[in-house]
PDB file of N, CA and C in Angstrom:
ATOM      1  N   MET A   1     129.963 268.990 164.894  1.00  0.00           N
ATOM      2  CA  MET A   1     130.376 267.506 164.973  1.00  0.00           C
ATOM      3  C   MET A   1     131.186 268.154 164.689  1.00  0.00           C
ATOM      4  N   LYS A   2     132.883 267.787 164.439  1.00  0.00           N
ATOM      5  CA  LYS A   2     134.135 268.353 164.177  1.00  0.00           C
ATOM      6  C   LYS A   2     134.809 268.013 163.083  1.00  0.00           C
ATOM      7  N   LYS A   3     134.817 269.259 161.796  1.00  0.00           N
ATOM      8  CA  LYS A   3     135.670 268.380 161.262  1.00  0.00           C
ATOM      9  C   LYS A   3     136.728 267.896 161.364  1.00  0.00           C
ATOM     10  N   GLU A   4     136.879 266.717 160.313  1.00  0.00           N
ATOM     11  CA  GLU A   4     138.362 265.279 159.712  1.00  0.00           C
ATOM     12  C   GLU A   4     139.349 266.895 160.038  1.00  0.00           C
ATOM     13  N   ARG A   5     140.200 267.045 160.332  1.00  0.00           N
ATOM     14  CA  ARG A   5     141.475 266.981 159.959  1.00  0.00           C
ATOM     15  C   ARG A   5     142.737 266.500 159.682  1.00  0.00           C
ATOM     16  N   GLN A   6     143.189 266.998 158.709  1.00  0.00           N
ATOM     17  CA  GLN A   6     144.532 265.436 158.403  1.00  0.00           C
ATOM     18  C   GLN A   6     146.176 266.721 158.406  1.00  0.00           C
ATOM     19  N   LEU A   7     146.924 266.096 158.244  1.00  0.00           N
ATOM     20  CA  LEU A   7     148.346 266.467 158.456  1.00  0.00           C
ATOM     21  C   LEU A   7     148.685 266.480 157.141  1.00  0.00           C
ATOM     22  N   LEU A   8     149.037 268.298 156.488  1.00  0.00           N
ATOM     23  CA  LEU A   8     149.504 267.636 155.005  1.00  0.00           C
ATOM     24  C   LEU A   8     150.956 268.285 155.141  1.00  0.00           C
ATOM     25  N   THR A   9     151.934 267.320 154.373  1.00  0.00           N
ATOM     26  CA  THR A   9     152.964 267.400 154.318  1.00  0.00           C
ATOM     27  C   THR A   9     153.679 267.840 152.937  1.00  0.00           C
ATOM     28  N   ILE A  10     154.501 268.419 152.414  1.00  0.00           N
ATOM     29  CA  ILE A  10     154.511 269.079 152.047  1.00  0.00           C
ATOM     30  C   ILE A  10     156.608 269.537 151.270  1.00  0.00           C
ATOM     31  N   VAL A  11     157.034 268.536 150.199  1.00  0.00           N
ATOM     32  CA  VAL A  11     158.709 268.269 150.297  1.00  0.00           C
ATOM     33  C   VAL A  11     158.865 268.756 148.824  1.00  0.00           C
ATOM     34  N   MET A  12     160.573 270.345 148.999  1.00  0.00           N
ATOM     35  CA  MET A  12     160.645 270.660 147.829  1.00  0.00           C
ATOM     36  C   MET A  12     161.881 271.231 147.964  1.00  0.00           C
ATOM     37  N   THR A  13     161.809 271.671 147.053  1.00  0.00           N
ATOM     38  CA  THR A  13     163.492 272.649 146.961  1.00  0.00           C
ATOM     39  C   THR A  13     163.557 273.798 147.525  1.00  0.00           C
ATOM     40  N   PRO A  14     164.815 274.360 148.369  1.00  0.00           N
ATOM     41  CA  PRO A  14     164.509 275.635 148.701  1.00  0.00           C
ATOM     42  C   PRO A  14     164.296 277.082 147.782  1.00  0.00           C
ATOM     43  N   ASP A  15     164.286 276.521 146.650  1.00  0.00           N
ATOM     44  CA  ASP A  15     163.924 277.600 145.529  1.00  0.00           C
ATOM     45  C   ASP A  15     162.631 277.705 145.585  1.00  0.00           C
ATOM     46  N   ILE A  16     161.638 276.456 145.622  1.00  0.00           N
ATOM     47  CA  ILE A  16     160.343 277.521 145.281  1.00  0.00           C
ATOM     48  C   ILE A  16     159.780 277.468 146.615  1.00  0.00           C
ATOM     49  N   GLU A  17     160.164 277.636 148.279  1.00  0.00           N
ATOM     50  CA  GLU A  17     159.963 277.753 149.351  1.00  0.00           C
ATOM     51  C   GLU A  17     158.665 279.168 149.310  1.00  0.00           C
ATOM     52  N   ASP A  18     159.273 279.647 148.845  1.00  0.00           N
ATOM     53  CA  ASP A  18     158.592 281.446 148.958  1.00  0.00           C
ATOM     54  C   ASP A  18     157.236 281.325 147.849  1.00  0.00           C
ATOM     55  N   THR A  19     157.410 281.182 146.822  1.00  0.00           N
ATOM     56  CA  THR A  19     156.800 280.832 145.680  1.00  0.00           C
ATOM     57  C   THR A  19     155.376 279.613 146.310  1.00  0.00           C
ATOM     58  N   ILE A  20     155.434 278.930 146.884  1.00  0.00           N
ATOM     59  CA  ILE A  20     154.721 278.073 147.167  1.00  0.00           C
ATOM     60  C   ILE A  20     154.064 278.228 148.579  1.00  0.00           C
ATOM     61  N   VAL A  21     155.041 279.038 149.425  1.00  0.00           N
ATOM     62  CA  VAL A  21     154.099 279.600 151.018  1.00  0.00           C
ATOM     63  C   VAL A  21     153.443 280.901 150.793  1.00  0.00           C
ATOM     64  N   ASP A  22     153.558 281.799 149.856  1.00  0.00           N
ATOM     65  CA  ASP A  22     153.144 282.357 148.893  1.00  0.00           C
ATOM     66  C   ASP A  22     151.393 282.557 148.647  1.00  0.00           C
ATOM     67  N   TRP A  23     151.495 280.901 147.688  1.00  0.00           N
ATOM     68  CA  TRP A  23     150.283 280.562 147.030  1.00  0.00           C
ATOM     69  C   TRP A  23     149.700 280.292 148.307  1.00  0.00           C
ATOM     70  N   LEU A  24     150.308 279.580 149.154  1.00  0.00           N
ATOM     71  CA  LEU A  24     149.366 278.483 150.177  1.00  0.00           C
ATOM     72  C   LEU A  24     148.362 279.608 151.013  1.00  0.00           C
ATOM     73  N   LEU A  25     149.571 280.601 151.502  1.00  0.00           N
ATOM     74  CA  LEU A  25     148.758 281.580 152.269  1.00  0.00           C
ATOM     75  C   LEU A  25     147.720 282.327 151.541  1.00  0.00           C
ATOM     76  N   GLU A  26     147.696 282.302 150.737  1.00  0.00           N
ATOM     77  CA  GLU A  26     146.624 283.185 149.902  1.00  0.00           C
ATOM     78  C   GLU A  26     144.931 282.013 149.559  1.00  0.00           C
ATOM     79  N   HIS A  27     145.245 280.790 149.484  1.00  0.00           N
ATOM     80  CA  HIS A  27     144.198 280.097 150.209  1.00  0.00           C
ATOM     81  C   HIS A  27     143.101 280.914 151.105  1.00  0.00           C
ATOM     82  N   PRO A  28     142.104 280.737 151.159  1.00  0.00           N
ATOM     83  CA  PRO A  28     141.265 281.306 152.626  1.00  0.00           C
ATOM     84  C   PRO A  28     141.233 280.656 153.344  1.00  0.00           C
ATOM     85  N   ASP A  29     140.845 279.192 153.817  1.00  0.00           N
ATOM     86  CA  ASP A  29     141.265 278.675 154.801  1.00  0.00           C
ATOM     87  C   ASP A  29     142.659 278.283 155.325  1.00  0.00           C
ATOM     88  N   ILE A  30     143.795 278.733 155.080  1.00  0.00           N
ATOM     89  CA  ILE A  30     145.001 278.822 155.521  1.00  0.00           C
ATOM     90  C   ILE A  30     145.423 279.527 156.063  1.00  0.00           C
ATOM     91  N   GLU A  31     145.463 279.721 157.139  1.00  0.00           N
ATOM     92  CA  GLU A  31     145.688 280.401 158.205  1.00  0.00           C
ATOM     93  C   GLU A  31     147.755 280.555 158.528  1.00  0.00           C
ATOM     94  N   GLY A  32     148.376 279.453 158.296  1.00  0.00           N
ATOM     95  CA  GLY A  32     149.874 279.495 158.807  1.00  0.00           C
ATOM     96  C   GLY A  32     150.417 277.957 157.584  1.00  0.00           C
ATOM     97  N   VAL A  33     151.635 278.118 158.150  1.00  0.00           N
ATOM     98  CA  VAL A  33     152.606 277.209 157.467  1.00  0.00           C
ATOM     99  C   VAL A  33     153.402 277.102 158.512  1.00  0.00           C
ATOM    100  N   ASN A  34     153.652 275.733 158.682  1.00  0.00           N
ATOM    101  CA  ASN A  34     155.076 275.496 159.261  1.00  0.00           C
ATOM    102  C   ASN A  34     156.214 275.147 158.341  1.00  0.00           C
ATOM    103  N   SER A  35     157.559 275.748 158.358  1.00  0.00           N
ATOM    104  CA  SER A  35     158.623 275.441 157.647  1.00  0.00           C
ATOM    105  C   SER A  35     159.913 274.614 158.125  1.00  0.00           C
ATOM    106  N   TYR A  36     160.651 273.953 157.748  1.00  0.00           N
ATOM    107  CA  TYR A  36     161.658 273.325 158.105  1.00  0.00           C
ATOM    108  C   TYR A  36     162.457 272.811 156.999  1.00  0.00           C
ATOM    109  N   SER A  37     164.200 273.805 157.244  1.00  0.00           N
ATOM    110  CA  SER A  37     164.459 273.210 156.192  1.00  0.00           C
ATOM    111  C   SER A  37     165.916 271.416 156.991  1.00  0.00           C
ATOM    112  N   ILE A  38     165.519 270.589 155.444  1.00  0.00           N
ATOM    113  CA  ILE A  38     165.518 269.296 155.654  1.00  0.00           C
ATOM    114  C   ILE A  38     167.236 268.863 155.074  1.00  0.00           C
ATOM    115  N   LYS A  39     167.682 267.608 155.542  1.00  0.00           N
ATOM    116  CA  LYS A  39     168.304 267.244 154.554  1.00  0.00           C
ATOM    117  C   LYS A  39     167.531 265.543 153.968  1.00  0.00           C
ATOM    118  N   SER A  40     168.219 265.663 152.455  1.00  0.00           N
ATOM    119  CA  SER A  40     166.781 264.241 151.854  1.00  0.00           C
ATOM    120  C   SER A  40     167.842 263.513 151.100  1.00  0.00           C
ATOM    121  N   TYR A  41     168.025 262.762 151.134  1.00  0.00           N
ATOM    122  CA  TYR A  41     169.056 261.012 151.064  1.00  0.00           C
ATOM    123  C   TYR A  41     168.208 260.765 150.183  1.00  0.00           C
ATOM    124  N   ASN A  42     168.458 259.849 149.158  1.00  0.00           N
ATOM    125  CA  ASN A  42     168.472 258.780 148.295  1.00  0.00           C
ATOM    126  C   ASN A  42     169.160 258.178 147.773  1.00  0.00           C
ATOM    127  N   LYS A  43     169.008 256.883 147.939  1.00  0.00           N
ATOM    128  CA  LYS A  43     169.989 255.882 147.363  1.00  0.00           C
ATOM    129  C   LYS A  43     170.392 256.371 145.567  1.00  0.00           C
ATOM    130  N   ASN A  44     169.421 257.031 144.990  1.00  0.00           N
ATOM    131  CA  ASN A  44     169.748 257.347 143.217  1.00  0.00           C
ATOM    132  C   ASN A  44     170.520 258.723 143.354  1.00  0.00           C
ATOM    133  N   HIS A  45     171.556 258.896 143.183  1.00  0.00           N
ATOM    134  CA  HIS A  45     172.365 260.558 143.007  1.00  0.00           C
ATOM    135  C   HIS A  45     172.790 260.821 141.940  1.00  0.00           C
ATOM    136  N   SER A  46     171.825 260.486 140.887  1.00  0.00           N
ATOM    137  CA  SER A  46     171.982 260.517 139.333  1.00  0.00           C
ATOM    138  C   SER A  46     171.671 262.038 139.167  1.00  0.00           C
ATOM    139  N   ASN A  47     170.197 262.906 139.597  1.00  0.00           N
ATOM    140  CA  ASN A  47     170.462 264.084 139.654  1.00  0.00           C
ATOM    141  C   ASN A  47     170.379 265.156 140.981  1.00  0.00           C
ATOM    142  N   TYR A  48     171.618 264.430 141.358  1.00  0.00           N
ATOM    143  CA  TYR A  48     172.561 265.192 142.257  1.00  0.00           C
ATOM    144  C   TYR A  48     173.151 266.068 141.946  1.00  0.00           C
ATOM    145  N   THR A  49     173.929 267.141 142.395  1.00  0.00           N
ATOM    146  CA  THR A  49     175.189 267.930 141.352  1.00  0.00           C
ATOM    147  C   THR A  49     176.099 267.289 142.250  1.00  0.00           C
ATOM    148  N   PRO A  50     177.554 267.687 141.767  1.00  0.00           N
ATOM    149  CA  PRO A  50     178.618 267.125 142.405  1.00  0.00           C
ATOM    150  C   PRO A  50     179.035 267.477 143.770  1.00  0.00           C
ATOM    151  N   LEU A  51     178.586 268.473 143.723  1.00  0.00           N
ATOM    152  CA  LEU A  51     178.252 268.607 145.931  1.00  0.00           C
ATOM    153  C   LEU A  51     177.430 267.748 146.671  1.00  0.00           C
ATOM    154  N   GLU A  52     176.294 267.966 146.179  1.00  0.00           N
ATOM    155  CA  GLU A  52     175.450 266.553 146.944  1.00  0.00           C
ATOM    156  C   GLU A  52     175.624 264.705 146.739  1.00  0.00           C
ATOM    157  N   LYS A  53     176.269 265.058 145.249  1.00  0.00           N
ATOM    158  CA  LYS A  53     177.266 263.797 145.568  1.00  0.00           C
ATOM    159  C   LYS A  53     178.288 263.366 146.740  1.00  0.00           C
ATOM    160  N   VAL A  54     178.877 264.035 146.675  1.00  0.00           N
ATOM    161  CA  VAL A  54     179.996 263.927 147.731  1.00  0.00           C
ATOM    162  C   VAL A  54     179.160 264.143 149.222  1.00  0.00           C
ATOM    163  N   THR A  55     177.962 265.021 149.277  1.00  0.00           N
ATOM    164  CA  THR A  55     177.624 264.780 151.339  1.00  0.00           C
ATOM    165  C   THR A  55     176.832 263.838 151.163  1.00  0.00           C
ATOM    166  N   GLY A  56     176.152 263.504 149.931  1.00  0.00           N
ATOM    167  CA  GLY A  56     174.789 262.322 150.017  1.00  0.00           C
ATOM    168  C   GLY A  56     173.505 262.886 150.284  1.00  0.00           C
ATOM    169  N   TRP A  57     173.730 264.310 150.215  1.00  0.00           N
ATOM    170  CA  TRP A  57     172.208 264.586 150.061  1.00  0.00           C
ATOM    171  C   TRP A  57     172.090 265.712 149.531  1.00  0.00           C
ATOM    172  N   LYS A  58     170.882 265.944 149.341  1.00  0.00           N
ATOM    173  CA  LYS A  58     170.443 267.052 148.675  1.00  0.00           C
ATOM    174  C   LYS A  58     169.834 267.940 150.092  1.00  0.00           C
ATOM    175  N   ARG A  59     169.596 269.382 150.147  1.00  0.00           N
ATOM    176  CA  ARG A  59     168.737 270.605 150.884  1.00  0.00           C
ATOM    177  C   ARG A  59     167.687 270.312 150.189  1.00  0.00           C
ATOM    178  N   LYS A  60     166.395 270.373 150.842  1.00  0.00           N
ATOM    179  CA  LYS A  60     164.854 270.613 150.860  1.00  0.00           C
ATOM    180  C   LYS A  60     164.545 271.365 152.063  1.00  0.00           C
ATOM    181  N   THR A  61     163.168 271.613 151.292  1.00  0.00           N
ATOM    182  CA  THR A  61     162.552 272.389 152.247  1.00  0.00           C
ATOM    183  C   THR A  61     160.621 271.739 152.988  1.00  0.00           C
ATOM    184  N   THR A  62     160.633 271.382 154.709  1.00  0.00           N
ATOM    185  CA  THR A  62     159.196 270.628 154.287  1.00  0.00           C
ATOM    186  C   THR A  62     158.301 271.548 154.651  1.00  0.00           C
ATOM    187  N   LEU A  63     157.245 271.591 154.098  1.00  0.00           N
ATOM    188  CA  LEU A  63     155.966 272.869 154.800  1.00  0.00           C
ATOM    189  C   LEU A  63     155.073 271.742 155.660  1.00  0.00           C
ATOM    190  N   ARG A  64     154.540 272.014 156.804  1.00  0.00           N
ATOM    191  CA  ARG A  64     153.405 271.254 157.366  1.00  0.00           C
ATOM    192  C   ARG A  64     152.466 272.137 157.599  1.00  0.00           C
ATOM    193  N   ILE A  65     150.884 271.386 157.107  1.00  0.00           N
ATOM    194  CA  ILE A  65     149.903 272.330 157.970  1.00  0.00           C
ATOM    195  C   ILE A  65     148.906 271.621 158.016  1.00  0.00           C
ATOM    196  N   ILE A  66     148.012 271.783 159.103  1.00  0.00           N
ATOM    197  CA  ILE A  66     146.946 270.750 159.553  1.00  0.00           C
ATOM    198  C   ILE A  66     145.361 271.708 158.982  1.00  0.00           C
ATOM    199  N   LEU A  67     144.968 270.620 158.058  1.00  0.00           N
ATOM    200  CA  LEU A  67     143.812 271.480 157.263  1.00  0.00           C
ATOM    201  C   LEU A  67     142.159 270.238 157.352  1.00  0.00           C
ATOM    202  N   PRO A  68     140.914 270.496 156.974  1.00  0.00           N
ATOM    203  CA  PRO A  68     140.749 270.351 157.038  1.00  0.00           C
ATOM    204  C   PRO A  68     140.409 268.994 155.982  1.00  0.00           C
ATOM    205  N   SER A  69     139.425 267.975 155.785  1.00  0.00           N
ATOM    206  CA  SER A  69     140.501 267.000 154.856  1.00  0.00           C
ATOM    207  C   SER A  69     139.601 267.380 153.222  1.00  0.00           C
ATOM    208  N   GLU A  70     138.888 268.135 153.473  1.00  0.00           N
ATOM    209  CA  GLU A  70     138.315 268.538 152.366  1.00  0.00           C
ATOM    210  C   GLU A  70     139.326 270.017 151.256  1.00  0.00           C
ATOM    211  N   VAL A  71     139.667 270.382 152.232  1.00  0.00           N
ATOM    212  CA  VAL A  71     140.576 271.837 152.188  1.00  0.00           C
ATOM    213  C   VAL A  71     141.622 270.973 151.642  1.00  0.00           C
ATOM    214  N   ILE A  72     142.545 269.898 152.182  1.00  0.00           N
ATOM    215  CA  ILE A  72     143.330 269.557 151.421  1.00  0.00           C
ATOM    216  C   ILE A  72     143.702 268.625 150.176  1.00  0.00           C
ATOM    217  N   THR A  73     141.922 267.847 149.552  1.00  0.00           N
ATOM    218  CA  THR A  73     141.812 267.741 148.566  1.00  0.00           C
ATOM    219  C   THR A  73     142.115 268.775 147.475  1.00  0.00           C
ATOM    220  N   GLU A  74     141.260 270.039 148.312  1.00  0.00           N
ATOM    221  CA  GLU A  74     141.172 270.741 146.794  1.00  0.00           C
ATOM    222  C   GLU A  74     142.967 271.711 146.393  1.00  0.00           C
ATOM    223  N   VAL A  75     143.668 271.935 147.569  1.00  0.00           N
ATOM    224  CA  VAL A  75     145.052 272.455 147.675  1.00  0.00           C
ATOM    225  C   VAL A  75     145.718 271.321 146.822  1.00  0.00           C
ATOM    226  N   ILE A  76     145.747 269.894 147.382  1.00  0.00           N
ATOM    227  CA  ILE A  76     146.599 269.028 146.247  1.00  0.00           C
ATOM    228  C   ILE A  76     145.955 269.079 144.590  1.00  0.00           C
ATOM    229  N   THR A  77     144.678 269.158 144.657  1.00  0.00           N
ATOM    230  CA  THR A  77     144.295 268.892 143.215  1.00  0.00           C
ATOM    231  C   THR A  77     144.513 270.436 142.086  1.00  0.00           C
ATOM    232  N   GLN A  78     144.297 271.867 143.208  1.00  0.00           N
ATOM    233  CA  GLN A  78     145.023 272.839 142.584  1.00  0.00           C
ATOM    234  C   GLN A  78     146.776 272.579 141.943  1.00  0.00           C
ATOM    235  N   MET A  79     147.629 272.162 143.181  1.00  0.00           N
ATOM    236  CA  MET A  79     149.409 271.740 143.005  1.00  0.00           C
ATOM    237  C   MET A  79     149.494 271.495 142.163  1.00  0.00           C
ATOM    238  N   LYS A  80     148.295 270.200 141.816  1.00  0.00           N
ATOM    239  CA  LYS A  80     148.916 269.116 140.727  1.00  0.00           C
ATOM    240  C   LYS A  80     148.913 270.409 139.247  1.00  0.00           C
ATOM    241  N   THR A  81     148.126 271.208 139.326  1.00  0.00           N
ATOM    242  CA  THR A  81     147.828 271.555 137.764  1.00  0.00           C
ATOM    243  C   THR A  81     148.835 272.603 137.713  1.00  0.00           C
ATOM    244  N   LYS A  82     148.929 273.624 138.543  1.00  0.00           N
ATOM    245  CA  LYS A  82     149.611 274.908 139.286  1.00  0.00           C
ATOM    246  C   LYS A  82     151.444 274.571 139.302  1.00  0.00           C
ATOM    247  N   PHE A  83     151.702 273.633 139.929  1.00  0.00           N
ATOM    248  CA  PHE A  83     152.978 273.109 140.042  1.00  0.00           C
ATOM    249  C   PHE A  83     153.498 271.720 139.456  1.00  0.00           C
ATOM    250  N   ALA A  84     152.774 271.456 137.963  1.00  0.00           N
ATOM    251  CA  ALA A  84     153.354 270.460 137.856  1.00  0.00           C
ATOM    252  C   ALA A  84     154.812 270.095 137.288  1.00  0.00           C
ATOM    253  N   ASN A  85     155.142 268.937 137.464  1.00  0.00           N
ATOM    254  CA  ASN A  85     156.667 268.825 137.136  1.00  0.00           C
ATOM    255  C   ASN A  85     157.465 269.604 138.241  1.00  0.00           C
ATOM    256  N   SER A  86     157.110 269.942 138.625  1.00  0.00           N
ATOM    257  CA  SER A  86     157.906 270.915 139.770  1.00  0.00           C
ATOM    258  C   SER A  86     159.220 270.374 141.095  1.00  0.00           C
ATOM    259  N   GLY A  87     158.639 268.686 141.000  1.00  0.00           N
ATOM    260  CA  GLY A  87     159.179 267.730 141.637  1.00  0.00           C
ATOM    261  C   GLY A  87     158.880 267.817 143.711  1.00  0.00           C
ATOM    262  N   ILE A  88     157.539 268.577 143.459  1.00  0.00           N
ATOM    263  CA  ILE A  88     156.705 268.483 144.526  1.00  0.00           C
ATOM    264  C   ILE A  88     156.446 267.254 145.057  1.00  0.00           C
ATOM    265  N   TYR A  89     156.926 267.274 146.438  1.00  0.00           N
ATOM    266  CA  TYR A  89     156.398 265.394 146.908  1.00  0.00           C
ATOM    267  C   TYR A  89     155.340 266.071 148.228  1.00  0.00           C
ATOM    268  N   TYR A  90     154.319 264.833 148.336  1.00  0.00           N
ATOM    269  CA  TYR A  90     153.245 265.288 149.198  1.00  0.00           C
ATOM    270  C   TYR A  90     153.157 264.069 150.116  1.00  0.00           C
ATOM    271  N   ARG A  91     152.443 264.336 151.326  1.00  0.00           N
ATOM    272  CA  ARG A  91     151.984 263.474 151.660  1.00  0.00           C
ATOM    273  C   ARG A  91     150.572 263.535 152.527  1.00  0.00           C
ATOM    274  N   ILE A  92     149.775 262.606 152.614  1.00  0.00           N
ATOM    275  CA  ILE A  92     148.168 263.182 153.705  1.00  0.00           C
ATOM    276  C   ILE A  92     148.921 261.983 154.896  1.00  0.00           C
ATOM    277  N   ALA A  93     148.305 262.628 156.403  1.00  0.00           N
ATOM    278  CA  ALA A  93     148.393 261.685 157.092  1.00  0.00           C
ATOM    279  C   ALA A  93     146.994 262.136 158.123  1.00  0.00           C
ATOM    280  N   SER A  94     146.656 261.110 158.857  1.00  0.00           N
ATOM    281  CA  SER A  94     145.236 260.987 159.857  1.00  0.00           C
ATOM    282  C   SER A  94     146.304 261.822 161.154  1.00  0.00           C
ATOM    283  N   PHE A  95     145.241 263.071 161.403  1.00  0.00           N
ATOM    284  CA  PHE A  95     145.916 263.513 162.687  1.00  0.00           C
ATOM    285  C   PHE A  95     144.831 263.573 163.541  1.00  0.00           C
ATOM    286  N   LEU A  96     145.321 262.988 164.971  1.00  0.00           N
ATOM    287  CA  LEU A  96     144.346 262.734 166.092  1.00  0.00           C
ATOM    288  C   LEU A  96     144.038 263.754 167.006  1.00  0.00           C
ATOM    289  N   ASP A  97     145.300 264.877 166.706  1.00  0.00           N
ATOM    290  CA  ASP A  97     144.516 265.705 168.172  1.00  0.00           C
ATOM    291  C   ASP A  97     145.472 266.732 167.750  1.00  0.00           C
ATOM    292  N   GLU A  98     144.979 268.213 168.203  1.00  0.00           N
ATOM    293  CA  GLU A  98     146.174 269.922 168.334  1.00  0.00           C
ATOM    294  C   GLU A  98     145.758 270.610 169.013  1.00  0.00           C
ATOM    295  N   GLY A  99     146.346 271.053 170.161  1.00  0.00           N
ATOM    296  CA  GLY A  99     145.904 272.094 170.955  1.00  0.00           C
ATOM    297  C   GLY A  99     147.244 272.999 171.362  1.00  0.00           C
ATOM    298  N   LEU A 100     146.697 273.902 172.034  1.00  0.00           N
ATOM    299  CA  LEU A 100     147.800 275.032 172.804  1.00  0.00           C
ATOM    300  C   LEU A 100     147.213 274.960 173.996  1.00  0.00           C
ATOM    301  N   LEU A 101     148.621 274.318 174.663  1.00  0.00           N
ATOM    302  CA  LEU A 101     149.210 274.463 176.405  1.00  0.00           C
ATOM    303  C   LEU A 101     149.618 275.486 176.909  1.00  0.00           C
TER     304      LEU A 101
END
């Protein structure tokens, strides 16, 4: 029986990307991470820098990893302790299929 796998998406500021990626790659069940630079838009600009207020967005980094659901639970539990109050956002989604063509 195939283990249920899910998609973990993590959004953070670019300044902590290397720290998070290094930490994730130390996990024995994580073989790789995909990283994307994104623009993050929000109606509330109170924590934006002056430049971000002018442009209307913040630079962020998104990491995506496909993992067994129990590994994602373990990773998120550890991150909640290790990276508390870091402003990291995460999302876990069902994953239907994957493969190499």
